Amino acid sequence: MGLLKWAAVGAAGYAIYRSVQNQNAEQSPAAFANGEGSGENFAKVRSAGSEGMRSDPKGWDNVDQASDESFPASDPPSTY
């Protein structure tokens, strides 16, 4: 009878573990703003600019914006 109790406890623990893992998997990646990483975004590419980021960068200027808009292109932005 003790073995059945251990099996039940193990199954319950595994169910809780899987539930927590599924909840964590539904969150968007860290680089995305809230609500941007889910849905039809199959390529996992965020929008350019600071509004597409989850945290606001300090000192964001026009050069940073142009560089972010040109990524991942091999050519530098035209503002240089």
PDB file of N, CA and C in Angstrom:
ATOM      1  N   MET A   1       0.815  -1.194   0.000  1.00  0.00           N
ATOM      2  CA  MET A   1       0.000   0.000   0.000  1.00  0.00           C
ATOM      3  C   MET A   1       0.861   1.260   0.000  1.00  0.00           C
ATOM      4  N   GLY A   2       2.019   1.213   0.620  1.00  0.00           N
ATOM      5  CA  GLY A   2       2.910   2.362   0.664  1.00  0.00           C
ATOM      6  C   GLY A   2       3.398   2.764  -0.720  1.00  0.00           C
ATOM      7  N   LEU A   3       3.598   1.766  -1.587  1.00  0.00           N
ATOM      8  CA  LEU A   3       4.060   2.044  -2.936  1.00  0.00           C
ATOM      9  C   LEU A   3       3.010   2.817  -3.735  1.00  0.00           C
ATOM     10  N   LEU A   4       1.757   2.496  -3.545  1.00  0.00           N
ATOM     11  CA  LEU A   4       0.681   3.211  -4.243  1.00  0.00           C
ATOM     12  C   LEU A   4       0.585   4.660  -3.780  1.00  0.00           C
ATOM     13  N   LYS A   5       0.811   4.914  -2.511  1.00  0.00           N
ATOM     14  CA  LYS A   5       0.798   6.288  -1.998  1.00  0.00           C
ATOM     15  C   LYS A   5       1.940   7.102  -2.610  1.00  0.00           C
ATOM     16  N   TRP A   6       3.129   6.496  -2.679  1.00  0.00           N
ATOM     17  CA  TRP A   6       4.267   7.174  -3.286  1.00  0.00           C
ATOM     18  C   TRP A   6       4.028   7.440  -4.766  1.00  0.00           C
ATOM     19  N   ALA A   7       3.392   6.510  -5.453  1.00  0.00           N
ATOM     20  CA  ALA A   7       3.077   6.706  -6.863  1.00  0.00           C
ATOM     21  C   ALA A   7       2.086   7.847  -7.047  1.00  0.00           C
ATOM     22  N   ALA A   8       1.089   7.936  -6.165  1.00  0.00           N
ATOM     23  CA  ALA A   8       0.101   9.011  -6.245  1.00  0.00           C
ATOM     24  C   ALA A   8       0.749  10.368  -5.966  1.00  0.00           C
ATOM     25  N   VAL A   9       1.617  10.430  -4.963  1.00  0.00           N
ATOM     26  CA  VAL A   9       2.325  11.673  -4.650  1.00  0.00           C
ATOM     27  C   VAL A   9       3.235  12.074  -5.809  1.00  0.00           C
ATOM     28  N   GLY A  10       3.929  11.114  -6.389  1.00  0.00           N
ATOM     29  CA  GLY A  10       4.796  11.403  -7.527  1.00  0.00           C
ATOM     30  C   GLY A  10       4.011  11.900  -8.734  1.00  0.00           C
ATOM     31  N   ALA A  11       2.865  11.283  -9.012  1.00  0.00           N
ATOM     32  CA  ALA A  11       2.028  11.713 -10.135  1.00  0.00           C
ATOM     33  C   ALA A  11       1.491  13.120  -9.901  1.00  0.00           C
ATOM     34  N   ALA A  12       1.085  13.431  -8.679  1.00  0.00           N
ATOM     35  CA  ALA A  12       0.592  14.768  -8.368  1.00  0.00           C
ATOM     36  C   ALA A  12       1.712  15.804  -8.501  1.00  0.00           C
ATOM     37  N   GLY A  13       2.897  15.462  -8.023  1.00  0.00           N
ATOM     38  CA  GLY A  13       4.036  16.364  -8.164  1.00  0.00           C
ATOM     39  C   GLY A  13       4.394  16.621  -9.619  1.00  0.00           C
ATOM     40  N   TYR A  14       4.366  15.580 -10.435  1.00  0.00           N
ATOM     41  CA  TYR A  14       4.661  15.729 -11.852  1.00  0.00           C
ATOM     42  C   TYR A  14       3.601  16.597 -12.536  1.00  0.00           C
ATOM     43  N   ALA A  15       2.335  16.431 -12.174  1.00  0.00           N
ATOM     44  CA  ALA A  15       1.265  17.240 -12.757  1.00  0.00           C
ATOM     45  C   ALA A  15       1.444  18.716 -12.407  1.00  0.00           C
ATOM     46  N   ILE A  16       1.830  18.998 -11.177  1.00  0.00           N
ATOM     47  CA  ILE A  16       2.083  20.385 -10.766  1.00  0.00           C
ATOM     48  C   ILE A  16       3.276  20.949 -11.519  1.00  0.00           C
ATOM     49  N   TYR A  17       4.327  20.173 -11.647  1.00  0.00           N
ATOM     50  CA  TYR A  17       5.522  20.607 -12.378  1.00  0.00           C
ATOM     51  C   TYR A  17       5.187  20.949 -13.827  1.00  0.00           C
ATOM     52  N   ARG A  18       4.436  20.088 -14.505  1.00  0.00           N
ATOM     53  CA  ARG A  18       4.069  20.332 -15.905  1.00  0.00           C
ATOM     54  C   ARG A  18       3.170  21.568 -16.039  1.00  0.00           C
ATOM     55  N   SER A  19       2.296  21.779 -15.082  1.00  0.00           N
ATOM     56  CA  SER A  19       1.412  22.941 -15.102  1.00  0.00           C
ATOM     57  C   SER A  19       2.219  24.235 -14.997  1.00  0.00           C
ATOM     58  N   VAL A  20       3.198  24.258 -14.101  1.00  0.00           N
ATOM     59  CA  VAL A  20       4.045  25.438 -13.942  1.00  0.00           C
ATOM     60  C   VAL A  20       4.885  25.662 -15.192  1.00  0.00           C
ATOM     61  N   GLN A  21       5.413  24.603 -15.785  1.00  0.00           N
ATOM     62  CA  GLN A  21       6.210  24.730 -17.002  1.00  0.00           C
ATOM     63  C   GLN A  21       5.377  25.289 -18.156  1.00  0.00           C
ATOM     64  N   ASN A  22       4.143  24.853 -18.294  1.00  0.00           N
ATOM     65  CA  ASN A  22       3.279  25.356 -19.359  1.00  0.00           C
ATOM     66  C   ASN A  22       2.929  26.821 -19.161  1.00  0.00           C
ATOM     67  N   GLN A  23       2.758  27.260 -17.931  1.00  0.00           N
ATOM     68  CA  GLN A  23       2.472  28.666 -17.669  1.00  0.00           C
ATOM     69  C   GLN A  23       3.671  29.533 -18.016  1.00  0.00           C
ATOM     70  N   ASN A  24       4.869  29.074 -17.724  1.00  0.00           N
ATOM     71  CA  ASN A  24       6.076  29.834 -18.031  1.00  0.00           C
ATOM     72  C   ASN A  24       6.348  29.869 -19.521  1.00  0.00           C
ATOM     73  N   ALA A  25       5.965  28.855 -20.265  1.00  0.00           N
ATOM     74  CA  ALA A  25       6.238  28.795 -21.694  1.00  0.00           C
ATOM     75  C   ALA A  25       5.377  29.769 -22.485  1.00  0.00           C
ATOM     76  N   GLU A  26       4.258  30.202 -21.939  1.00  0.00           N
ATOM     77  CA  GLU A  26       3.362  31.092 -22.657  1.00  0.00           C
ATOM     78  C   GLU A  26       3.771  32.551 -22.570  1.00  0.00           C
ATOM     79  N   GLN A  27       4.757  32.908 -21.786  1.00  0.00           N
ATOM     80  CA  GLN A  27       5.202  34.280 -21.665  1.00  0.00           C
ATOM     81  C   GLN A  27       6.029  34.660 -22.882  1.00  0.00           C
ATOM     82  N   SER A  28       6.009  35.940 -23.238  1.00  0.00           N
ATOM     83  CA  SER A  28       6.767  36.395 -24.390  1.00  0.00           C
ATOM     84  C   SER A  28       8.252  36.495 -24.039  1.00  0.00           C
ATOM     85  N   PRO A  29       9.124  36.428 -25.038  1.00  0.00           N
ATOM     86  CA  PRO A  29      10.560  36.559 -24.784  1.00  0.00           C
ATOM     87  C   PRO A  29      10.916  37.912 -24.169  1.00  0.00           C
ATOM     88  N   ALA A  30      12.061  37.984 -23.549  1.00  0.00           N
ATOM     89  CA  ALA A  30      12.451  39.176 -22.797  1.00  0.00           C
ATOM     90  C   ALA A  30      12.634  40.406 -23.670  1.00  0.00           C
ATOM     91  N   ALA A  31      13.013  40.255 -24.923  1.00  0.00           N
ATOM     92  CA  ALA A  31      13.265  41.410 -25.776  1.00  0.00           C
ATOM     93  C   ALA A  31      11.987  42.075 -26.267  1.00  0.00           C
ATOM     94  N   PHE A  32      10.864  41.396 -26.191  1.00  0.00           N
ATOM     95  CA  PHE A  32       9.624  41.910 -26.733  1.00  0.00           C
ATOM     96  C   PHE A  32       8.872  42.764 -25.717  1.00  0.00           C
ATOM     97  N   ALA A  33       8.151  43.774 -26.222  1.00  0.00           N
ATOM     98  CA  ALA A  33       7.250  44.542 -25.373  1.00  0.00           C
ATOM     99  C   ALA A  33       6.065  43.654 -25.006  1.00  0.00           C
ATOM    100  N   ASN A  34       5.339  44.015 -23.985  1.00  0.00           N
ATOM    101  CA  ASN A  34       4.195  43.217 -23.562  1.00  0.00           C
ATOM    102  C   ASN A  34       3.168  43.115 -24.683  1.00  0.00           C
ATOM    103  N   GLY A  35       2.754  41.898 -24.991  1.00  0.00           N
ATOM    104  CA  GLY A  35       1.765  41.656 -26.028  1.00  0.00           C
ATOM    105  C   GLY A  35       2.319  41.565 -27.436  1.00  0.00           C
ATOM    106  N   GLU A  36       3.588  41.802 -27.635  1.00  0.00           N
ATOM    107  CA  GLU A  36       4.151  41.803 -28.980  1.00  0.00           C
ATOM    108  C   GLU A  36       4.675  40.441 -29.413  1.00  0.00           C
ATOM    109  N   GLY A  37       5.145  39.626 -28.508  1.00  0.00           N
ATOM    110  CA  GLY A  37       5.777  38.365 -28.872  1.00  0.00           C
ATOM    111  C   GLY A  37       4.827  37.218 -29.116  1.00  0.00           C
ATOM    112  N   SER A  38       3.566  37.392 -28.888  1.00  0.00           N
ATOM    113  CA  SER A  38       2.629  36.286 -29.042  1.00  0.00           C
ATOM    114  C   SER A  38       1.840  36.422 -30.339  1.00  0.00           C
ATOM    115  N   GLY A  39       1.097  35.382 -30.666  1.00  0.00           N
ATOM    116  CA  GLY A  39       0.219  35.438 -31.833  1.00  0.00           C
ATOM    117  C   GLY A  39       0.899  35.036 -33.113  1.00  0.00           C
ATOM    118  N   GLU A  40       0.755  35.838 -34.122  1.00  0.00           N
ATOM    119  CA  GLU A  40       1.219  35.525 -35.473  1.00  0.00           C
ATOM    120  C   GLU A  40       2.701  35.790 -35.699  1.00  0.00           C
ATOM    121  N   ASN A  41       3.443  36.168 -34.681  1.00  0.00           N
ATOM    122  CA  ASN A  41       4.851  36.504 -34.829  1.00  0.00           C
ATOM    123  C   ASN A  41       5.683  35.228 -34.883  1.00  0.00           C
ATOM    124  N   PHE A  42       5.628  34.523 -36.026  1.00  0.00           N
ATOM    125  CA  PHE A  42       6.315  33.238 -36.140  1.00  0.00           C
ATOM    126  C   PHE A  42       7.821  33.394 -36.270  1.00  0.00           C
ATOM    127  N   ALA A  43       8.305  34.540 -36.733  1.00  0.00           N
ATOM    128  CA  ALA A  43       9.732  34.745 -36.948  1.00  0.00           C
ATOM    129  C   ALA A  43      10.452  35.206 -35.689  1.00  0.00           C
ATOM    130  N   LYS A  44       9.707  35.556 -34.654  1.00  0.00           N
ATOM    131  CA  LYS A  44      10.269  36.020 -33.381  1.00  0.00           C
ATOM    132  C   LYS A  44      11.154  37.250 -33.571  1.00  0.00           C
ATOM    133  N   VAL A  45      10.672  38.212 -34.357  1.00  0.00           N
ATOM    134  CA  VAL A  45      11.384  39.466 -34.602  1.00  0.00           C
ATOM    135  C   VAL A  45      10.558  40.579 -33.987  1.00  0.00           C
ATOM    136  N   ARG A  46      11.174  41.416 -33.158  1.00  0.00           N
ATOM    137  CA  ARG A  46      10.435  42.491 -32.521  1.00  0.00           C
ATOM    138  C   ARG A  46      10.404  43.722 -33.413  1.00  0.00           C
ATOM    139  N   SER A  47       9.479  44.627 -33.143  1.00  0.00           N
ATOM    140  CA  SER A  47       9.385  45.886 -33.875  1.00  0.00           C
ATOM    141  C   SER A  47      10.590  46.752 -33.555  1.00  0.00           C
ATOM    142  N   ALA A  48      11.015  47.564 -34.515  1.00  0.00           N
ATOM    143  CA  ALA A  48      12.164  48.432 -34.299  1.00  0.00           C
ATOM    144  C   ALA A  48      11.780  49.588 -33.392  1.00  0.00           C
ATOM    145  N   GLY A  49      12.748  50.083 -32.670  1.00  0.00           N
ATOM    146  CA  GLY A  49      12.540  51.234 -31.810  1.00  0.00           C
ATOM    147  C   GLY A  49      12.356  50.855 -30.361  1.00  0.00           C
ATOM    148  N   SER A  50      12.413  51.872 -29.521  1.00  0.00           N
ATOM    149  CA  SER A  50      12.323  51.629 -28.085  1.00  0.00           C
ATOM    150  C   SER A  50      10.919  51.215 -27.665  1.00  0.00           C
ATOM    151  N   GLU A  51       9.889  51.533 -28.469  1.00  0.00           N
ATOM    152  CA  GLU A  51       8.531  51.123 -28.105  1.00  0.00           C
ATOM    153  C   GLU A  51       8.326  49.624 -28.285  1.00  0.00           C
ATOM    154  N   GLY A  52       9.184  48.953 -29.030  1.00  0.00           N
ATOM    155  CA  GLY A  52       9.109  47.509 -29.197  1.00  0.00           C
ATOM    156  C   GLY A  52       9.853  46.737 -28.133  1.00  0.00           C
ATOM    157  N   MET A  53      10.526  47.433 -27.213  1.00  0.00           N
ATOM    158  CA  MET A  53      11.305  46.789 -26.155  1.00  0.00           C
ATOM    159  C   MET A  53      10.509  46.749 -24.861  1.00  0.00           C
ATOM    160  N   ARG A  54      10.772  45.743 -24.051  1.00  0.00           N
ATOM    161  CA  ARG A  54      10.086  45.626 -22.762  1.00  0.00           C
ATOM    162  C   ARG A  54      10.556  46.706 -21.793  1.00  0.00           C
ATOM    163  N   SER A  55      11.846  47.013 -21.765  1.00  0.00           N
ATOM    164  CA  SER A  55      12.360  48.058 -20.883  1.00  0.00           C
ATOM    165  C   SER A  55      12.792  49.258 -21.725  1.00  0.00           C
ATOM    166  N   ASP A  56      12.624  50.439 -21.174  1.00  0.00           N
ATOM    167  CA  ASP A  56      13.017  51.652 -21.889  1.00  0.00           C
ATOM    168  C   ASP A  56      14.509  51.895 -21.700  1.00  0.00           C
ATOM    169  N   PRO A  57      15.259  51.981 -22.820  1.00  0.00           N
ATOM    170  CA  PRO A  57      16.701  52.236 -22.690  1.00  0.00           C
ATOM    171  C   PRO A  57      16.967  53.691 -22.309  1.00  0.00           C
ATOM    172  N   LYS A  58      18.043  53.896 -21.586  1.00  0.00           N
ATOM    173  CA  LYS A  58      18.446  55.254 -21.216  1.00  0.00           C
ATOM    174  C   LYS A  58      19.238  55.864 -22.362  1.00  0.00           C
ATOM    175  N   GLY A  59      18.968  57.080 -22.711  1.00  0.00           N
ATOM    176  CA  GLY A  59      19.745  57.789 -23.725  1.00  0.00           C
ATOM    177  C   GLY A  59      19.517  57.287 -25.146  1.00  0.00           C
ATOM    178  N   TRP A  60      18.305  56.938 -25.510  1.00  0.00           N
ATOM    179  CA  TRP A  60      17.995  56.466 -26.865  1.00  0.00           C
ATOM    180  C   TRP A  60      17.949  57.679 -27.785  1.00  0.00           C
ATOM    181  N   ASP A  61      18.788  57.703 -28.837  1.00  0.00           N
ATOM    182  CA  ASP A  61      18.808  58.851 -29.747  1.00  0.00           C
ATOM    183  C   ASP A  61      18.546  58.409 -31.182  1.00  0.00           C
ATOM    184  N   ASN A  62      18.709  59.335 -32.139  1.00  0.00           N
ATOM    185  CA  ASN A  62      18.411  59.043 -33.541  1.00  0.00           C
ATOM    186  C   ASN A  62      19.339  57.992 -34.137  1.00  0.00           C
ATOM    187  N   VAL A  63      20.589  57.968 -33.714  1.00  0.00           N
ATOM    188  CA  VAL A  63      21.533  56.971 -34.219  1.00  0.00           C
ATOM    189  C   VAL A  63      21.136  55.580 -33.722  1.00  0.00           C
ATOM    190  N   ASP A  64      20.748  55.480 -32.467  1.00  0.00           N
ATOM    191  CA  ASP A  64      20.277  54.200 -31.942  1.00  0.00           C
ATOM    192  C   ASP A  64      19.032  53.733 -32.688  1.00  0.00           C
ATOM    193  N   GLN A  65      18.132  54.666 -32.971  1.00  0.00           N
ATOM    194  CA  GLN A  65      16.908  54.326 -33.684  1.00  0.00           C
ATOM    195  C   GLN A  65      17.227  53.829 -35.091  1.00  0.00           C
ATOM    196  N   ALA A  66      18.092  54.516 -35.814  1.00  0.00           N
ATOM    197  CA  ALA A  66      18.450  54.110 -37.177  1.00  0.00           C
ATOM    198  C   ALA A  66      19.170  52.764 -37.183  1.00  0.00           C
ATOM    199  N   SER A  67      20.043  52.545 -36.231  1.00  0.00           N
ATOM    200  CA  SER A  67      20.745  51.271 -36.142  1.00  0.00           C
ATOM    201  C   SER A  67      19.784  50.135 -35.836  1.00  0.00           C
ATOM    202  N   ASP A  68      18.827  50.375 -34.953  1.00  0.00           N
ATOM    203  CA  ASP A  68      17.857  49.349 -34.592  1.00  0.00           C
ATOM    204  C   ASP A  68      16.936  49.036 -35.778  1.00  0.00           C
ATOM    205  N   GLU A  69      16.588  50.044 -36.563  1.00  0.00           N
ATOM    206  CA  GLU A  69      15.727  49.826 -37.722  1.00  0.00           C
ATOM    207  C   GLU A  69      16.445  49.073 -38.836  1.00  0.00           C
ATOM    208  N   SER A  70      17.761  49.190 -38.927  1.00  0.00           N
ATOM    209  CA  SER A  70      18.491  48.524 -39.998  1.00  0.00           C
ATOM    210  C   SER A  70      18.903  47.096 -39.647  1.00  0.00           C
ATOM    211  N   PHE A  71      18.830  46.725 -38.382  1.00  0.00           N
ATOM    212  CA  PHE A  71      19.237  45.368 -37.966  1.00  0.00           C
ATOM    213  C   PHE A  71      18.287  44.341 -38.540  1.00  0.00           C
ATOM    214  N   PRO A  72      18.722  43.259 -39.070  1.00  0.00           N
ATOM    215  CA  PRO A  72      20.044  42.662 -39.187  1.00  0.00           C
ATOM    216  C   PRO A  72      20.711  42.888 -40.539  1.00  0.00           C
ATOM    217  N   ALA A  73      20.407  43.987 -41.197  1.00  0.00           N
ATOM    218  CA  ALA A  73      21.011  44.260 -42.499  1.00  0.00           C
ATOM    219  C   ALA A  73      22.518  44.460 -42.355  1.00  0.00           C
ATOM    220  N   SER A  74      23.245  44.173 -43.408  1.00  0.00           N
ATOM    221  CA  SER A  74      24.698  44.276 -43.351  1.00  0.00           C
ATOM    222  C   SER A  74      25.171  45.704 -43.601  1.00  0.00           C
ATOM    223  N   ASP A  75      24.335  46.552 -44.189  1.00  0.00           N
ATOM    224  CA  ASP A  75      24.735  47.932 -44.478  1.00  0.00           C
ATOM    225  C   ASP A  75      24.416  48.835 -43.291  1.00  0.00           C
ATOM    226  N   PRO A  76      25.255  49.836 -43.053  1.00  0.00           N
ATOM    227  CA  PRO A  76      24.963  50.760 -41.951  1.00  0.00           C
ATOM    228  C   PRO A  76      23.772  51.653 -42.319  1.00  0.00           C
ATOM    229  N   PRO A  77      23.122  52.257 -41.337  1.00  0.00           N
ATOM    230  CA  PRO A  77      22.019  53.155 -41.639  1.00  0.00           C
ATOM    231  C   PRO A  77      22.499  54.392 -42.379  1.00  0.00           C
ATOM    232  N   SER A  78      21.610  55.066 -43.052  1.00  0.00           N
ATOM    233  CA  SER A  78      21.976  56.213 -43.879  1.00  0.00           C
ATOM    234  C   SER A  78      22.223  57.475 -43.080  1.00  0.00           C
ATOM    235  N   THR A  79      22.077  57.436 -41.784  1.00  0.00           N
ATOM    236  CA  THR A  79      22.264  58.654 -40.972  1.00  0.00           C
ATOM    237  C   THR A  79      23.715  58.871 -40.575  1.00  0.00           C
ATOM    238  N   TYR A  80      24.644  58.012 -40.972  1.00  0.00           N
ATOM    239  CA  TYR A  80      26.045  58.202 -40.605  1.00  0.00           C
ATOM    240  C   TYR A  80      26.733  59.148 -41.540  1.00  0.00           C
TER     241      TYR A  80
END
